[in-house]
Amino acid sequence: MNITIRPLKDNDLPTFTQWLAKPHVAPWYTPAEDWIAEVCAREGDFSFIRHFIIEADGEPIGFCQHYPYWRSGEVWHGNIPLAGTYSIDYLVGEEAYLRKGCGASALRLLIRDAFSRADASRIIVQPDIENVASQNVLKAAGFRFDAENHLFILTREGLGTSIAP
């Protein structure tokens, strides 16, 4: 199976909206209306976020994004420096592609794209404590849990050769 990511387009919005309502996605992406509004404003207020569709053999199966963390206004970074810090979000919306490595493959592509930014030194992610599947995908992609800051982190230096830009 060939996993790729491509920029999200307007005609992807109905599918994205459907994924947000699915039982395996909805608990982690609430309120869905905020996510939809953000994606709709991707060429305006949220142009600093790079939104992607995950495809398996050319078929849309999920969504992912990365962004410079400091631009988001979020404040869960603990003592991690703001400069050089990016964050990511990801989901596999199509049930037939769950637990097949598609999320991990897409995450490697997303990481490569984020680290292609000259200012990106690290990526931090803070999945819900109950979202074990997401935590496992992060670990498989090389992230380590930072217990002090209660988040997952991957540094440019920590990249393995399989995902290095």
N, C-alpha and C. Protein backbone atom coordinates (compact mmCIF):
# COMPACT_ATOMS: atom_id res chain seq x y z
N MET A 1 0.85 -1.18 0.00
CA MET A 1 0.00 0.00 0.00
C MET A 1 0.89 1.24 0.00
N ASN A 2 0.60 2.16 -0.90
CA ASN A 2 1.37 3.39 -1.03
C ASN A 2 0.67 4.52 -0.28
N ILE A 3 1.29 5.01 0.80
CA ILE A 3 0.73 6.10 1.59
C ILE A 3 1.41 7.40 1.17
N THR A 4 0.60 8.41 0.89
CA THR A 4 1.10 9.73 0.53
C THR A 4 0.28 10.79 1.27
N ILE A 5 0.81 12.00 1.31
CA ILE A 5 0.04 13.14 1.80
C ILE A 5 0.06 14.21 0.72
N ARG A 6 -1.05 14.91 0.62
CA ARG A 6 -1.16 16.00 -0.35
C ARG A 6 -1.92 17.15 0.30
N PRO A 7 -1.74 18.36 -0.20
CA PRO A 7 -2.48 19.49 0.38
C PRO A 7 -3.98 19.28 0.33
N LEU A 8 -4.65 19.67 1.40
CA LEU A 8 -6.10 19.61 1.48
C LEU A 8 -6.70 20.63 0.51
N LYS A 9 -7.77 20.23 -0.16
CA LYS A 9 -8.47 21.12 -1.11
C LYS A 9 -9.91 21.31 -0.65
N ASP A 10 -10.58 22.29 -1.22
CA ASP A 10 -11.98 22.56 -0.87
C ASP A 10 -12.87 21.33 -1.04
N ASN A 11 -12.64 20.55 -2.10
CA ASN A 11 -13.51 19.40 -2.33
C ASN A 11 -13.27 18.27 -1.33
N ASP A 12 -12.27 18.40 -0.46
CA ASP A 12 -12.03 17.43 0.61
C ASP A 12 -12.87 17.71 1.86
N LEU A 13 -13.47 18.90 1.94
CA LEU A 13 -14.18 19.30 3.16
C LEU A 13 -15.33 18.37 3.55
N PRO A 14 -16.16 17.91 2.61
CA PRO A 14 -17.23 16.99 3.02
C PRO A 14 -16.69 15.69 3.64
N THR A 15 -15.64 15.15 3.06
CA THR A 15 -15.05 13.92 3.60
C THR A 15 -14.42 14.18 4.96
N PHE A 16 -13.69 15.27 5.10
CA PHE A 16 -13.09 15.65 6.38
C PHE A 16 -14.18 15.78 7.45
N THR A 17 -15.27 16.42 7.10
CA THR A 17 -16.39 16.59 8.04
C THR A 17 -16.96 15.24 8.46
N GLN A 18 -17.08 14.33 7.53
CA GLN A 18 -17.57 12.98 7.85
C GLN A 18 -16.62 12.25 8.79
N TRP A 19 -15.32 12.38 8.55
CA TRP A 19 -14.34 11.72 9.42
C TRP A 19 -14.45 12.24 10.85
N LEU A 20 -14.63 13.55 11.01
CA LEU A 20 -14.72 14.13 12.35
C LEU A 20 -15.89 13.58 13.16
N ALA A 21 -16.92 13.10 12.47
CA ALA A 21 -18.12 12.57 13.14
C ALA A 21 -18.00 11.08 13.46
N LYS A 22 -16.98 10.43 12.97
CA LYS A 22 -16.85 8.98 13.19
C LYS A 22 -16.50 8.68 14.65
N PRO A 23 -17.04 7.59 15.19
CA PRO A 23 -16.83 7.28 16.61
C PRO A 23 -15.37 7.12 17.03
N HIS A 24 -14.51 6.67 16.13
CA HIS A 24 -13.10 6.50 16.49
C HIS A 24 -12.30 7.81 16.36
N VAL A 25 -12.91 8.86 15.83
CA VAL A 25 -12.25 10.16 15.65
C VAL A 25 -12.87 11.21 16.57
N ALA A 26 -14.18 11.24 16.65
CA ALA A 26 -14.91 12.32 17.33
C ALA A 26 -14.42 12.64 18.75
N PRO A 27 -14.08 11.65 19.59
CA PRO A 27 -13.66 12.01 20.96
C PRO A 27 -12.41 12.89 21.02
N TRP A 28 -11.57 12.81 19.99
CA TRP A 28 -10.29 13.53 20.02
C TRP A 28 -10.33 14.83 19.23
N TYR A 29 -11.39 15.07 18.47
CA TYR A 29 -11.49 16.25 17.62
C TYR A 29 -12.78 17.01 17.91
N THR A 30 -12.86 17.53 19.12
CA THR A 30 -14.05 18.28 19.52
C THR A 30 -13.65 19.69 19.94
N PRO A 31 -14.50 20.65 19.71
CA PRO A 31 -15.71 20.53 18.89
C PRO A 31 -15.34 20.47 17.41
N ALA A 32 -16.02 19.62 16.69
CA ALA A 32 -15.75 19.42 15.26
C ALA A 32 -15.89 20.73 14.49
N GLU A 33 -16.81 21.58 14.92
CA GLU A 33 -17.04 22.85 14.22
C GLU A 33 -15.78 23.72 14.21
N ASP A 34 -15.01 23.66 15.29
CA ASP A 34 -13.76 24.45 15.34
C ASP A 34 -12.75 23.94 14.31
N TRP A 35 -12.65 22.63 14.18
CA TRP A 35 -11.73 22.04 13.20
C TRP A 35 -12.15 22.40 11.78
N ILE A 36 -13.45 22.34 11.53
CA ILE A 36 -13.97 22.67 10.20
C ILE A 36 -13.72 24.15 9.89
N ALA A 37 -13.98 25.01 10.86
CA ALA A 37 -13.76 26.45 10.66
C ALA A 37 -12.28 26.73 10.39
N GLU A 38 -11.40 26.05 11.11
CA GLU A 38 -9.96 26.24 10.91
C GLU A 38 -9.56 25.85 9.49
N VAL A 39 -10.01 24.69 9.05
CA VAL A 39 -9.66 24.22 7.71
C VAL A 39 -10.25 25.15 6.65
N CYS A 40 -11.44 25.64 6.87
CA CYS A 40 -12.07 26.57 5.92
C CYS A 40 -11.31 27.89 5.84
N ALA A 41 -10.63 28.27 6.92
CA ALA A 41 -9.87 29.53 6.96
C ALA A 41 -8.38 29.30 6.70
N ARG A 42 -8.05 28.19 6.03
CA ARG A 42 -6.64 27.83 5.82
C ARG A 42 -5.88 28.78 4.90
N GLU A 43 -6.60 29.61 4.17
CA GLU A 43 -5.92 30.60 3.32
C GLU A 43 -6.02 31.99 3.93
N GLY A 44 -6.53 32.06 5.16
CA GLY A 44 -6.68 33.33 5.87
C GLY A 44 -6.02 33.25 7.23
N ASP A 45 -6.84 33.30 8.29
CA ASP A 45 -6.33 33.32 9.66
C ASP A 45 -5.46 32.12 10.01
N PHE A 46 -5.69 30.99 9.35
CA PHE A 46 -4.93 29.77 9.67
C PHE A 46 -3.97 29.38 8.55
N SER A 47 -3.50 30.36 7.81
CA SER A 47 -2.58 30.07 6.70
C SER A 47 -1.21 29.60 7.19
N PHE A 48 -0.92 29.75 8.48
CA PHE A 48 0.35 29.27 9.03
C PHE A 48 0.34 27.75 9.24
N ILE A 49 -0.83 27.14 9.13
CA ILE A 49 -0.96 25.68 9.29
C ILE A 49 -0.95 25.04 7.91
N ARG A 50 -0.19 23.97 7.77
CA ARG A 50 -0.18 23.20 6.52
C ARG A 50 -1.08 21.99 6.71
N HIS A 51 -2.22 21.99 6.00
CA HIS A 51 -3.23 20.94 6.10
C HIS A 51 -3.07 19.95 4.95
N PHE A 52 -3.15 18.66 5.27
CA PHE A 52 -2.96 17.61 4.26
C PHE A 52 -4.06 16.55 4.34
N ILE A 53 -4.25 15.88 3.24
CA ILE A 53 -5.07 14.68 3.17
C ILE A 53 -4.11 13.50 3.03
N ILE A 54 -4.36 12.47 3.81
CA ILE A 54 -3.60 11.23 3.71
C ILE A 54 -4.29 10.35 2.68
N GLU A 55 -3.51 9.80 1.76
CA GLU A 55 -4.08 8.90 0.77
C GLU A 55 -3.38 7.54 0.82
N ALA A 56 -4.15 6.50 0.57
CA ALA A 56 -3.64 5.14 0.41
C ALA A 56 -3.95 4.72 -1.02
N ASP A 57 -2.91 4.52 -1.80
CA ASP A 57 -3.09 4.16 -3.22
C ASP A 57 -4.03 5.13 -3.92
N GLY A 58 -3.89 6.42 -3.59
CA GLY A 58 -4.66 7.47 -4.25
C GLY A 58 -6.04 7.73 -3.66
N GLU A 59 -6.46 6.96 -2.67
CA GLU A 59 -7.77 7.14 -2.04
C GLU A 59 -7.63 7.91 -0.73
N PRO A 60 -8.44 8.95 -0.50
CA PRO A 60 -8.37 9.70 0.76
C PRO A 60 -8.77 8.80 1.95
N ILE A 61 -7.89 8.76 2.97
CA ILE A 61 -8.19 7.94 4.14
C ILE A 61 -8.05 8.71 5.45
N GLY A 62 -7.46 9.91 5.40
CA GLY A 62 -7.26 10.64 6.64
C GLY A 62 -6.78 12.06 6.42
N PHE A 63 -6.44 12.69 7.51
CA PHE A 63 -6.08 14.11 7.56
C PHE A 63 -4.87 14.26 8.47
N CYS A 64 -4.02 15.23 8.15
CA CYS A 64 -2.93 15.59 9.06
C CYS A 64 -2.53 17.04 8.81
N GLN A 65 -1.83 17.61 9.77
CA GLN A 65 -1.39 19.00 9.65
C GLN A 65 -0.19 19.24 10.54
N HIS A 66 0.59 20.26 10.20
CA HIS A 66 1.65 20.73 11.09
C HIS A 66 1.66 22.25 11.08
N TYR A 67 2.21 22.80 12.15
CA TYR A 67 2.22 24.25 12.30
C TYR A 67 3.29 24.68 13.29
N PRO A 68 3.80 25.92 13.12
CA PRO A 68 4.70 26.47 14.12
C PRO A 68 3.90 26.71 15.40
N TYR A 69 4.27 26.00 16.43
CA TYR A 69 3.51 26.00 17.68
C TYR A 69 3.28 27.42 18.22
N TRP A 70 4.28 28.26 18.19
CA TRP A 70 4.17 29.60 18.77
C TRP A 70 3.09 30.44 18.12
N ARG A 71 2.75 30.14 16.86
CA ARG A 71 1.72 30.90 16.16
C ARG A 71 0.31 30.50 16.58
N SER A 72 0.16 29.35 17.23
CA SER A 72 -1.16 28.81 17.55
C SER A 72 -1.82 29.47 18.76
N GLY A 73 -1.02 30.08 19.63
CA GLY A 73 -1.57 30.63 20.86
C GLY A 73 -1.79 29.58 21.94
N GLU A 74 -1.43 28.33 21.66
CA GLU A 74 -1.56 27.26 22.64
C GLU A 74 -0.50 27.42 23.73
N VAL A 75 -0.78 26.84 24.90
CA VAL A 75 0.14 27.04 26.03
C VAL A 75 0.42 25.75 26.80
N TRP A 76 0.48 24.63 26.12
CA TRP A 76 0.72 23.35 26.79
C TRP A 76 2.16 22.86 26.64
N HIS A 77 3.07 23.70 26.20
CA HIS A 77 4.44 23.30 25.88
C HIS A 77 5.36 23.13 27.09
N GLY A 78 4.88 23.48 28.29
CA GLY A 78 5.74 23.35 29.48
C GLY A 78 6.97 24.21 29.36
N ASN A 79 8.16 23.61 29.61
CA ASN A 79 9.39 24.40 29.53
C ASN A 79 10.12 24.24 28.20
N ILE A 80 9.43 23.72 27.18
CA ILE A 80 10.01 23.57 25.85
C ILE A 80 10.09 24.97 25.23
N PRO A 81 11.23 25.33 24.65
CA PRO A 81 11.33 26.66 24.02
C PRO A 81 10.33 26.81 22.87
N LEU A 82 9.78 28.00 22.74
CA LEU A 82 8.84 28.26 21.66
C LEU A 82 9.54 28.30 20.30
N ALA A 83 10.70 28.95 20.24
CA ALA A 83 11.42 29.08 18.98
C ALA A 83 11.80 27.69 18.47
N GLY A 84 11.43 27.43 17.23
CA GLY A 84 11.78 26.16 16.60
C GLY A 84 10.82 25.03 16.88
N THR A 85 9.76 25.29 17.65
CA THR A 85 8.83 24.23 18.02
C THR A 85 7.63 24.21 17.07
N TYR A 86 7.35 23.03 16.56
CA TYR A 86 6.19 22.77 15.72
C TYR A 86 5.30 21.77 16.43
N SER A 87 4.05 21.68 15.98
CA SER A 87 3.15 20.64 16.48
C SER A 87 2.41 20.04 15.30
N ILE A 88 1.79 18.91 15.54
CA ILE A 88 1.09 18.17 14.49
C ILE A 88 -0.23 17.62 15.02
N ASP A 89 -1.11 17.30 14.10
CA ASP A 89 -2.36 16.59 14.36
C ASP A 89 -2.54 15.62 13.21
N TYR A 90 -3.22 14.51 13.48
CA TYR A 90 -3.38 13.49 12.44
C TYR A 90 -4.56 12.60 12.81
N LEU A 91 -5.18 12.04 11.78
CA LEU A 91 -6.25 11.06 11.99
C LEU A 91 -6.38 10.19 10.76
N VAL A 92 -6.72 8.94 10.99
CA VAL A 92 -7.12 8.04 9.92
C VAL A 92 -8.63 7.93 10.05
N GLY A 93 -9.33 8.43 9.05
CA GLY A 93 -10.79 8.48 9.13
C GLY A 93 -11.48 7.24 8.63
N GLU A 94 -10.86 6.54 7.71
CA GLU A 94 -11.47 5.35 7.12
C GLU A 94 -11.12 4.12 7.95
N GLU A 95 -12.15 3.48 8.50
CA GLU A 95 -11.97 2.35 9.40
C GLU A 95 -11.17 1.21 8.79
N ALA A 96 -11.31 0.98 7.50
CA ALA A 96 -10.62 -0.13 6.84
C ALA A 96 -9.10 0.03 6.87
N TYR A 97 -8.62 1.24 7.20
CA TYR A 97 -7.18 1.50 7.20
C TYR A 97 -6.59 1.63 8.60
N LEU A 98 -7.41 1.38 9.61
CA LEU A 98 -6.91 1.42 10.98
C LEU A 98 -6.08 0.18 11.28
N ARG A 99 -5.08 0.34 12.15
CA ARG A 99 -4.23 -0.75 12.61
C ARG A 99 -3.52 -1.50 11.46
N LYS A 100 -3.18 -0.74 10.43
CA LYS A 100 -2.45 -1.32 9.30
C LYS A 100 -1.15 -0.57 9.02
N GLY A 101 -0.76 0.34 9.93
CA GLY A 101 0.47 1.10 9.75
C GLY A 101 0.31 2.34 8.91
N CYS A 102 -0.91 2.63 8.46
CA CYS A 102 -1.13 3.81 7.60
C CYS A 102 -0.87 5.11 8.36
N GLY A 103 -1.31 5.17 9.61
CA GLY A 103 -1.09 6.37 10.41
C GLY A 103 0.39 6.63 10.63
N ALA A 104 1.14 5.58 10.95
CA ALA A 104 2.58 5.74 11.17
C ALA A 104 3.28 6.16 9.88
N SER A 105 2.88 5.58 8.75
CA SER A 105 3.49 5.96 7.47
C SER A 105 3.20 7.41 7.14
N ALA A 106 1.96 7.83 7.34
CA ALA A 106 1.60 9.23 7.08
C ALA A 106 2.33 10.16 8.03
N LEU A 107 2.46 9.74 9.28
CA LEU A 107 3.15 10.57 10.26
C LEU A 107 4.61 10.80 9.87
N ARG A 108 5.26 9.78 9.33
CA ARG A 108 6.65 9.95 8.88
C ARG A 108 6.74 10.99 7.77
N LEU A 109 5.77 10.97 6.85
CA LEU A 109 5.75 11.97 5.78
C LEU A 109 5.49 13.37 6.34
N LEU A 110 4.59 13.47 7.29
CA LEU A 110 4.27 14.75 7.91
C LEU A 110 5.49 15.30 8.65
N ILE A 111 6.19 14.43 9.37
CA ILE A 111 7.40 14.83 10.09
C ILE A 111 8.45 15.34 9.11
N ARG A 112 8.62 14.62 8.02
CA ARG A 112 9.60 15.04 7.01
C ARG A 112 9.24 16.42 6.47
N ASP A 113 7.95 16.65 6.22
CA ASP A 113 7.53 17.95 5.70
C ASP A 113 7.75 19.05 6.74
N ALA A 114 7.42 18.77 7.99
CA ALA A 114 7.62 19.79 9.04
C ALA A 114 9.10 20.13 9.20
N PHE A 115 9.95 19.10 9.21
CA PHE A 115 11.39 19.35 9.38
C PHE A 115 12.04 19.90 8.11
N SER A 116 11.30 20.00 7.02
CA SER A 116 11.85 20.66 5.84
C SER A 116 11.83 22.18 6.03
N ARG A 117 11.12 22.66 7.04
CA ARG A 117 11.11 24.08 7.38
C ARG A 117 12.42 24.41 8.10
N ALA A 118 13.09 25.43 7.65
CA ALA A 118 14.41 25.77 8.20
C ALA A 118 14.35 26.07 9.69
N ASP A 119 13.22 26.60 10.18
CA ASP A 119 13.13 27.00 11.58
C ASP A 119 12.65 25.88 12.50
N ALA A 120 12.35 24.70 11.97
CA ALA A 120 11.81 23.60 12.79
C ALA A 120 12.94 22.84 13.47
N SER A 121 12.97 22.86 14.79
CA SER A 121 13.97 22.13 15.58
C SER A 121 13.38 20.92 16.28
N ARG A 122 12.07 21.01 16.59
CA ARG A 122 11.42 19.94 17.34
C ARG A 122 9.93 19.96 17.03
N ILE A 123 9.31 18.80 17.26
CA ILE A 123 7.86 18.67 17.12
C ILE A 123 7.34 18.15 18.45
N ILE A 124 6.30 18.81 18.96
CA ILE A 124 5.67 18.36 20.20
C ILE A 124 4.21 18.02 19.92
N VAL A 125 3.72 17.03 20.65
CA VAL A 125 2.34 16.58 20.50
C VAL A 125 1.83 16.20 21.89
N GLN A 126 0.58 16.52 22.16
CA GLN A 126 -0.01 16.18 23.45
C GLN A 126 -1.37 15.50 23.22
N PRO A 127 -1.32 14.22 22.81
CA PRO A 127 -2.61 13.52 22.63
C PRO A 127 -3.30 13.32 23.97
N ASP A 128 -4.59 13.18 23.92
CA ASP A 128 -5.36 12.89 25.13
C ASP A 128 -4.76 11.66 25.81
N ILE A 129 -4.73 11.68 27.13
CA ILE A 129 -4.13 10.58 27.89
C ILE A 129 -4.81 9.24 27.60
N GLU A 130 -6.07 9.29 27.19
CA GLU A 130 -6.80 8.06 26.88
C GLU A 130 -6.65 7.61 25.42
N ASN A 131 -6.00 8.41 24.61
CA ASN A 131 -5.83 8.08 23.20
C ASN A 131 -4.55 7.25 23.02
N VAL A 132 -4.63 6.01 23.45
CA VAL A 132 -3.48 5.10 23.42
C VAL A 132 -3.03 4.84 21.99
N ALA A 133 -3.97 4.73 21.05
CA ALA A 133 -3.60 4.48 19.66
C ALA A 133 -2.70 5.60 19.13
N SER A 134 -3.04 6.84 19.42
CA SER A 134 -2.22 7.96 18.98
C SER A 134 -0.85 7.93 19.63
N GLN A 135 -0.81 7.62 20.90
CA GLN A 135 0.47 7.54 21.60
C GLN A 135 1.36 6.46 20.99
N ASN A 136 0.77 5.34 20.61
CA ASN A 136 1.54 4.25 20.01
C ASN A 136 2.08 4.64 18.63
N VAL A 137 1.28 5.38 17.86
CA VAL A 137 1.74 5.85 16.55
C VAL A 137 2.93 6.81 16.74
N LEU A 138 2.83 7.69 17.72
CA LEU A 138 3.93 8.62 17.98
C LEU A 138 5.21 7.87 18.36
N LYS A 139 5.09 6.90 19.23
CA LYS A 139 6.27 6.11 19.64
C LYS A 139 6.87 5.38 18.44
N ALA A 140 6.02 4.82 17.59
CA ALA A 140 6.50 4.11 16.41
C ALA A 140 7.24 5.05 15.46
N ALA A 141 6.88 6.32 15.47
CA ALA A 141 7.52 7.31 14.60
C ALA A 141 8.77 7.93 15.24
N GLY A 142 9.12 7.50 16.44
CA GLY A 142 10.36 7.99 17.06
C GLY A 142 10.19 9.04 18.13
N PHE A 143 8.96 9.43 18.45
CA PHE A 143 8.74 10.39 19.52
C PHE A 143 9.03 9.73 20.87
N ARG A 144 9.47 10.52 21.82
CA ARG A 144 9.63 10.03 23.19
C ARG A 144 8.72 10.84 24.09
N PHE A 145 8.25 10.20 25.15
CA PHE A 145 7.39 10.90 26.09
C PHE A 145 8.25 11.71 27.04
N ASP A 146 7.96 12.99 27.16
CA ASP A 146 8.63 13.90 28.08
C ASP A 146 7.72 14.02 29.30
N ALA A 147 8.06 13.26 30.36
CA ALA A 147 7.21 13.19 31.55
C ALA A 147 7.12 14.53 32.27
N GLU A 148 8.19 15.30 32.23
CA GLU A 148 8.20 16.60 32.91
C GLU A 148 7.16 17.55 32.32
N ASN A 149 7.05 17.53 30.99
CA ASN A 149 6.13 18.44 30.30
C ASN A 149 4.83 17.77 29.86
N HIS A 150 4.70 16.49 30.08
CA HIS A 150 3.49 15.73 29.75
C HIS A 150 3.13 15.84 28.27
N LEU A 151 4.13 15.58 27.42
CA LEU A 151 3.93 15.63 25.98
C LEU A 151 4.93 14.71 25.29
N PHE A 152 4.69 14.46 24.03
CA PHE A 152 5.62 13.69 23.21
C PHE A 152 6.46 14.66 22.41
N ILE A 153 7.74 14.33 22.22
CA ILE A 153 8.65 15.22 21.52
C ILE A 153 9.56 14.43 20.59
N LEU A 154 9.85 15.04 19.45
CA LEU A 154 10.83 14.53 18.51
C LEU A 154 11.67 15.71 18.08
N THR A 155 12.97 15.59 18.23
CA THR A 155 13.87 16.67 17.80
C THR A 155 14.47 16.33 16.44
N ARG A 156 14.90 17.37 15.77
CA ARG A 156 15.56 17.17 14.47
C ARG A 156 16.72 16.19 14.65
N GLU A 157 17.46 16.32 15.74
CA GLU A 157 18.60 15.44 16.00
C GLU A 157 18.15 14.01 16.27
N GLY A 158 16.92 13.84 16.75
CA GLY A 158 16.41 12.52 17.09
C GLY A 158 15.82 11.76 15.92
N LEU A 159 15.84 12.38 14.73
CA LEU A 159 15.27 11.71 13.55
C LEU A 159 16.08 10.48 13.20
N GLY A 160 15.37 9.43 12.86
CA GLY A 160 16.03 8.25 12.31
C GLY A 160 16.27 8.44 10.83
N THR A 161 17.11 7.64 10.25
CA THR A 161 17.43 7.80 8.83
C THR A 161 16.21 7.52 7.95
N SER A 162 15.23 6.76 8.46
CA SER A 162 14.08 6.43 7.64
C SER A 162 13.14 7.62 7.44
N ILE A 163 13.24 8.63 8.29
CA ILE A 163 12.34 9.78 8.13
C ILE A 163 13.09 11.10 8.01
N ALA A 164 14.39 11.05 7.96
CA ALA A 164 15.15 12.29 7.85
C ALA A 164 14.80 13.02 6.56
N PRO A 165 14.72 14.34 6.62
CA PRO A 165 14.38 15.11 5.41
C PRO A 165 15.49 15.03 4.38
